[in-house]
């Protein structure tokens, strides 16, 4: 995980869904786990950042 990715997570806005308009870092862990359980993170950069967000959430 690189510093640039952390900055992107802090600044990227969720573009759709229940939490549209919220920064990725502010998404509830349960929402990210829902994507993980379905094994259907969005394609591309957004999905990659969401997966990283899920990894760092439990660590604070």
PDB file of N, CA and C in Angstrom:
ATOM      1  N   UNK A   1       0.859  -1.167   0.000  1.00  0.00           N
ATOM      2  CA  UNK A   1       0.000   0.000   0.000  1.00  0.00           C
ATOM      3  C   UNK A   1       0.906   1.231   0.000  1.00  0.00           C
ATOM      4  N   UNK A   2       0.603   2.134  -0.897  1.00  0.00           N
ATOM      5  CA  UNK A   2       1.435   3.311  -1.052  1.00  0.00           C
ATOM      6  C   UNK A   2       0.726   4.550  -0.531  1.00  0.00           C
ATOM      7  N   UNK A   3       1.516   5.548  -0.219  1.00  0.00           N
ATOM      8  CA  UNK A   3       0.988   6.811   0.302  1.00  0.00           C
ATOM      9  C   UNK A   3      -0.048   7.408  -0.656  1.00  0.00           C
ATOM     10  N   UNK A   4       0.231   7.325  -1.944  1.00  0.00           N
ATOM     11  CA  UNK A   4      -0.683   7.883  -2.946  1.00  0.00           C
ATOM     12  C   UNK A   4      -2.048   7.201  -2.894  1.00  0.00           C
ATOM     13  N   UNK A   5      -2.044   5.884  -2.665  1.00  0.00           N
ATOM     14  CA  UNK A   5      -3.308   5.151  -2.566  1.00  0.00           C
ATOM     15  C   UNK A   5      -4.103   5.604  -1.342  1.00  0.00           C
ATOM     16  N   UNK A   6      -3.424   5.836  -0.237  1.00  0.00           N
ATOM     17  CA  UNK A   6      -4.109   6.309   0.966  1.00  0.00           C
ATOM     18  C   UNK A   6      -4.725   7.684   0.741  1.00  0.00           C
ATOM     19  N   UNK A   7      -4.004   8.530   0.032  1.00  0.00           N
ATOM     20  CA  UNK A   7      -4.532   9.862  -0.287  1.00  0.00           C
ATOM     21  C   UNK A   7      -5.754   9.734  -1.191  1.00  0.00           C
ATOM     22  N   UNK A   8      -5.684   8.836  -2.177  1.00  0.00           N
ATOM     23  CA  UNK A   8      -6.835   8.611  -3.063  1.00  0.00           C
ATOM     24  C   UNK A   8      -8.047   8.103  -2.289  1.00  0.00           C
ATOM     25  N   UNK A   9      -7.827   7.179  -1.363  1.00  0.00           N
ATOM     26  CA  UNK A   9      -8.925   6.639  -0.556  1.00  0.00           C
ATOM     27  C   UNK A   9      -9.568   7.749   0.260  1.00  0.00           C
ATOM     28  N   UNK A  10      -8.747   8.639   0.778  1.00  0.00           N
ATOM     29  CA  UNK A  10      -9.262   9.743   1.593  1.00  0.00           C
ATOM     30  C   UNK A  10     -10.030  10.757   0.760  1.00  0.00           C
ATOM     31  N   UNK A  11      -9.723  10.843  -0.538  1.00  0.00           N
ATOM     32  CA  UNK A  11     -10.331  11.871  -1.383  1.00  0.00           C
ATOM     33  C   UNK A  11     -11.365  11.365  -2.384  1.00  0.00           C
ATOM     34  N   UNK A  12     -11.418  10.063  -2.630  1.00  0.00           N
ATOM     35  CA  UNK A  12     -12.343   9.517  -3.624  1.00  0.00           C
ATOM     36  C   UNK A  12     -13.755   9.435  -3.050  1.00  0.00           C
ATOM     37  N   UNK A  13     -14.711   9.906  -3.832  1.00  0.00           N
ATOM     38  CA  UNK A  13     -16.122   9.914  -3.444  1.00  0.00           C
ATOM     39  C   UNK A  13     -16.817   8.708  -4.074  1.00  0.00           C
ATOM     40  N   UNK A  14     -17.603   8.010  -3.276  1.00  0.00           N
ATOM     41  CA  UNK A  14     -18.382   6.875  -3.790  1.00  0.00           C
ATOM     42  C   UNK A  14     -19.382   7.410  -4.810  1.00  0.00           C
ATOM     43  N   UNK A  15     -19.329   6.922  -6.059  1.00  0.00           N
ATOM     44  CA  UNK A  15     -20.165   7.504  -7.116  1.00  0.00           C
ATOM     45  C   UNK A  15     -21.574   6.918  -7.246  1.00  0.00           C
ATOM     46  N   UNK A  16     -21.904   5.887  -6.480  1.00  0.00           N
ATOM     47  CA  UNK A  16     -23.217   5.258  -6.643  1.00  0.00           C
ATOM     48  C   UNK A  16     -23.628   4.559  -5.356  1.00  0.00           C
ATOM     49  N   UNK A  17     -24.861   4.098  -5.341  1.00  0.00           N
ATOM     50  CA  UNK A  17     -25.341   3.249  -4.252  1.00  0.00           C
ATOM     51  C   UNK A  17     -25.789   3.986  -3.007  1.00  0.00           C
ATOM     52  N   UNK A  18     -25.998   3.212  -1.983  1.00  0.00           N
ATOM     53  CA  UNK A  18     -26.524   3.694  -0.710  1.00  0.00           C
ATOM     54  C   UNK A  18     -25.660   4.803  -0.105  1.00  0.00           C
ATOM     55  N   UNK A  19     -24.356   4.730  -0.325  1.00  0.00           N
ATOM     56  CA  UNK A  19     -23.434   5.699   0.267  1.00  0.00           C
ATOM     57  C   UNK A  19     -22.846   6.654  -0.772  1.00  0.00           C
ATOM     58  N   UNK A  20     -23.581   6.877  -1.843  1.00  0.00           N
ATOM     59  CA  UNK A  20     -23.154   7.815  -2.878  1.00  0.00           C
ATOM     60  C   UNK A  20     -22.857   9.169  -2.232  1.00  0.00           C
ATOM     61  N   UNK A  21     -21.725   9.744  -2.613  1.00  0.00           N
ATOM     62  CA  UNK A  21     -21.351  11.055  -2.102  1.00  0.00           C
ATOM     63  C   UNK A  21     -20.446  11.018  -0.879  1.00  0.00           C
ATOM     64  N   UNK A  22     -20.229   9.833  -0.318  1.00  0.00           N
ATOM     65  CA  UNK A  22     -19.338   9.714   0.848  1.00  0.00           C
ATOM     66  C   UNK A  22     -17.940   9.310   0.400  1.00  0.00           C
ATOM     67  N   UNK A  23     -16.956   9.763   1.132  1.00  0.00           N
ATOM     68  CA  UNK A  23     -15.573   9.376   0.832  1.00  0.00           C
ATOM     69  C   UNK A  23     -15.394   7.883   1.138  1.00  0.00           C
ATOM     70  N   UNK A  24     -14.534   7.232   0.375  1.00  0.00           N
ATOM     71  CA  UNK A  24     -14.315   5.796   0.575  1.00  0.00           C
ATOM     72  C   UNK A  24     -13.903   5.487   2.008  1.00  0.00           C
ATOM     73  N   UNK A  25     -13.078   6.314   2.586  1.00  0.00           N
ATOM     74  CA  UNK A  25     -12.606   6.060   3.945  1.00  0.00           C
ATOM     75  C   UNK A  25     -13.751   6.112   4.955  1.00  0.00           C
ATOM     76  N   UNK A  26     -14.845   6.787   4.601  1.00  0.00           N
ATOM     77  CA  UNK A  26     -15.995   6.915   5.497  1.00  0.00           C
ATOM     78  C   UNK A  26     -17.060   5.844   5.273  1.00  0.00           C
ATOM     79  N   UNK A  27     -16.834   4.950   4.315  1.00  0.00           N
ATOM     80  CA  UNK A  27     -17.803   3.881   4.080  1.00  0.00           C
ATOM     81  C   UNK A  27     -17.777   2.905   5.248  1.00  0.00           C
ATOM     82  N   UNK A  28     -18.939   2.439   5.685  1.00  0.00           N
ATOM     83  CA  UNK A  28     -18.959   1.450   6.767  1.00  0.00           C
ATOM     84  C   UNK A  28     -18.271   0.147   6.331  1.00  0.00           C
ATOM     85  N   UNK A  29     -17.589  -0.466   7.261  1.00  0.00           N
ATOM     86  CA  UNK A  29     -16.912  -1.725   6.971  1.00  0.00           C
ATOM     87  C   UNK A  29     -17.904  -2.770   6.467  1.00  0.00           C
ATOM     88  N   UNK A  30     -19.123  -2.768   7.012  1.00  0.00           N
ATOM     89  CA  UNK A  30     -20.138  -3.741   6.601  1.00  0.00           C
ATOM     90  C   UNK A  30     -20.477  -3.612   5.113  1.00  0.00           C
ATOM     91  N   UNK A  31     -20.487  -2.379   4.612  1.00  0.00           N
ATOM     92  CA  UNK A  31     -20.782  -2.144   3.196  1.00  0.00           C
ATOM     93  C   UNK A  31     -19.667  -2.735   2.326  1.00  0.00           C
ATOM     94  N   UNK A  32     -18.433  -2.522   2.720  1.00  0.00           N
ATOM     95  CA  UNK A  32     -17.304  -3.073   1.973  1.00  0.00           C
ATOM     96  C   UNK A  32     -17.293  -4.597   2.044  1.00  0.00           C
ATOM     97  N   UNK A  33     -17.640  -5.136   3.211  1.00  0.00           N
ATOM     98  CA  UNK A  33     -17.714  -6.592   3.360  1.00  0.00           C
ATOM     99  C   UNK A  33     -18.804  -7.189   2.477  1.00  0.00           C
ATOM    100  N   UNK A  34     -19.882  -6.445   2.270  1.00  0.00           N
ATOM    101  CA  UNK A  34     -20.962  -6.902   1.397  1.00  0.00           C
ATOM    102  C   UNK A  34     -20.430  -7.113  -0.021  1.00  0.00           C
ATOM    103  N   UNK A  35     -19.639  -6.165  -0.522  1.00  0.00           N
ATOM    104  CA  UNK A  35     -19.025  -6.323  -1.846  1.00  0.00           C
ATOM    105  C   UNK A  35     -18.087  -7.530  -1.850  1.00  0.00           C
ATOM    106  N   UNK A  36     -17.328  -7.690  -0.778  1.00  0.00           N
ATOM    107  CA  UNK A  36     -16.372  -8.803  -0.699  1.00  0.00           C
ATOM    108  C   UNK A  36     -17.093 -10.149  -0.692  1.00  0.00           C
ATOM    109  N   UNK A  37     -18.181 -10.245   0.070  1.00  0.00           N
ATOM    110  CA  UNK A  37     -18.932 -11.506   0.123  1.00  0.00           C
ATOM    111  C   UNK A  37     -19.497 -11.873  -1.243  1.00  0.00           C
ATOM    112  N   UNK A  38     -19.959 -10.866  -1.964  1.00  0.00           N
ATOM    113  CA  UNK A  38     -20.494 -11.117  -3.304  1.00  0.00           C
ATOM    114  C   UNK A  38     -19.377 -11.333  -4.320  1.00  0.00           C
ATOM    115  N   UNK A  39     -18.138 -11.005  -3.914  1.00  0.00           N
ATOM    116  CA  UNK A  39     -16.987 -11.051  -4.811  1.00  0.00           C
ATOM    117  C   UNK A  39     -17.240 -10.192  -6.041  1.00  0.00           C
ATOM    118  N   UNK A  40     -17.810  -9.013  -5.799  1.00  0.00           N
ATOM    119  CA  UNK A  40     -18.186  -8.123  -6.901  1.00  0.00           C
ATOM    120  C   UNK A  40     -17.834  -6.672  -6.611  1.00  0.00           C
ATOM    121  N   UNK A  41     -16.574  -6.416  -6.279  1.00  0.00           N
ATOM    122  CA  UNK A  41     -16.154  -5.025  -6.192  1.00  0.00           C
ATOM    123  C   UNK A  41     -16.248  -4.427  -7.593  1.00  0.00           C
ATOM    124  N   UNK A  42     -16.503  -3.132  -7.698  1.00  0.00           N
ATOM    125  CA  UNK A  42     -16.548  -2.510  -9.022  1.00  0.00           C
ATOM    126  C   UNK A  42     -15.222  -2.722  -9.760  1.00  0.00           C
ATOM    127  N   UNK A  43     -15.305  -2.728 -11.065  1.00  0.00           N
ATOM    128  CA  UNK A  43     -14.103  -2.887 -11.878  1.00  0.00           C
ATOM    129  C   UNK A  43     -13.247  -1.628 -11.802  1.00  0.00           C
ATOM    130  N   UNK A  44     -11.987  -1.789 -12.083  1.00  0.00           N
ATOM    131  CA  UNK A  44     -11.088  -0.653 -12.206  1.00  0.00           C
ATOM    132  C   UNK A  44     -10.586  -0.088 -10.888  1.00  0.00           C
ATOM    133  N   UNK A  45     -10.185   1.169 -10.968  1.00  0.00           N
ATOM    134  CA  UNK A  45      -9.552   1.853  -9.840  1.00  0.00           C
ATOM    135  C   UNK A  45     -10.455   1.917  -8.616  1.00  0.00           C
ATOM    136  N   UNK A  46     -11.749   2.170  -8.811  1.00  0.00           N
ATOM    137  CA  UNK A  46     -12.671   2.271  -7.681  1.00  0.00           C
ATOM    138  C   UNK A  46     -12.687   0.967  -6.888  1.00  0.00           C
ATOM    139  N   UNK A  47     -12.827  -0.148  -7.560  1.00  0.00           N
ATOM    140  CA  UNK A  47     -12.845  -1.437  -6.882  1.00  0.00           C
ATOM    141  C   UNK A  47     -11.540  -1.727  -6.159  1.00  0.00           C
ATOM    142  N   UNK A  48     -10.444  -1.374  -6.790  1.00  0.00           N
ATOM    143  CA  UNK A  48      -9.129  -1.565  -6.170  1.00  0.00           C
ATOM    144  C   UNK A  48      -9.026  -0.747  -4.875  1.00  0.00           C
ATOM    145  N   UNK A  49      -9.457   0.507  -4.933  1.00  0.00           N
ATOM    146  CA  UNK A  49      -9.397   1.367  -3.750  1.00  0.00           C
ATOM    147  C   UNK A  49     -10.352   0.883  -2.657  1.00  0.00           C
ATOM    148  N   UNK A  50     -11.503   0.379  -3.051  1.00  0.00           N
ATOM    149  CA  UNK A  50     -12.452  -0.148  -2.062  1.00  0.00           C
ATOM    150  C   UNK A  50     -11.872  -1.370  -1.352  1.00  0.00           C
ATOM    151  N   UNK A  51     -11.173  -2.224  -2.090  1.00  0.00           N
ATOM    152  CA  UNK A  51     -10.554  -3.403  -1.476  1.00  0.00           C
ATOM    153  C   UNK A  51      -9.457  -2.999  -0.489  1.00  0.00           C
ATOM    154  N   UNK A  52      -8.675  -2.006  -0.849  1.00  0.00           N
ATOM    155  CA  UNK A  52      -7.638  -1.512   0.063  1.00  0.00           C
ATOM    156  C   UNK A  52      -8.284  -0.896   1.294  1.00  0.00           C
ATOM    157  N   UNK A  53      -9.372  -0.158   1.089  1.00  0.00           N
ATOM    158  CA  UNK A  53     -10.086   0.452   2.212  1.00  0.00           C
ATOM    159  C   UNK A  53     -10.546  -0.621   3.186  1.00  0.00           C
ATOM    160  N   UNK A  54     -11.057  -1.717   2.661  1.00  0.00           N
ATOM    161  CA  UNK A  54     -11.499  -2.818   3.520  1.00  0.00           C
ATOM    162  C   UNK A  54     -10.330  -3.397   4.322  1.00  0.00           C
ATOM    163  N   UNK A  55      -9.172  -3.469   3.709  1.00  0.00           N
ATOM    164  CA  UNK A  55      -7.998  -4.002   4.407  1.00  0.00           C
ATOM    165  C   UNK A  55      -7.554  -3.105   5.561  1.00  0.00           C
ATOM    166  N   UNK A  56      -7.672  -1.795   5.385  1.00  0.00           N
ATOM    167  CA  UNK A  56      -7.179  -0.890   6.429  1.00  0.00           C
ATOM    168  C   UNK A  56      -8.228  -0.563   7.481  1.00  0.00           C
ATOM    169  N   UNK A  57      -9.503  -0.776   7.196  1.00  0.00           N
ATOM    170  CA  UNK A  57     -10.569  -0.439   8.149  1.00  0.00           C
ATOM    171  C   UNK A  57     -10.361  -1.077   9.527  1.00  0.00           C
ATOM    172  N   UNK A  58     -10.117  -2.374   9.630  1.00  0.00           N
ATOM    173  CA  UNK A  58      -9.972  -2.977  10.963  1.00  0.00           C
ATOM    174  C   UNK A  58      -8.758  -2.458  11.731  1.00  0.00           C
ATOM    175  N   UNK A  59      -7.806  -1.896  11.001  1.00  0.00           N
ATOM    176  CA  UNK A  59      -6.580  -1.412  11.636  1.00  0.00           C
ATOM    177  C   UNK A  59      -6.692   0.044  12.075  1.00  0.00           C
ATOM    178  N   UNK A  60      -7.818   0.695  11.694  1.00  0.00           N
ATOM    179  CA  UNK A  60      -7.998   2.091  12.077  1.00  0.00           C
ATOM    180  C   UNK A  60      -7.263   2.978  11.151  1.00  0.00           C
TER     181      UNK A  60
END
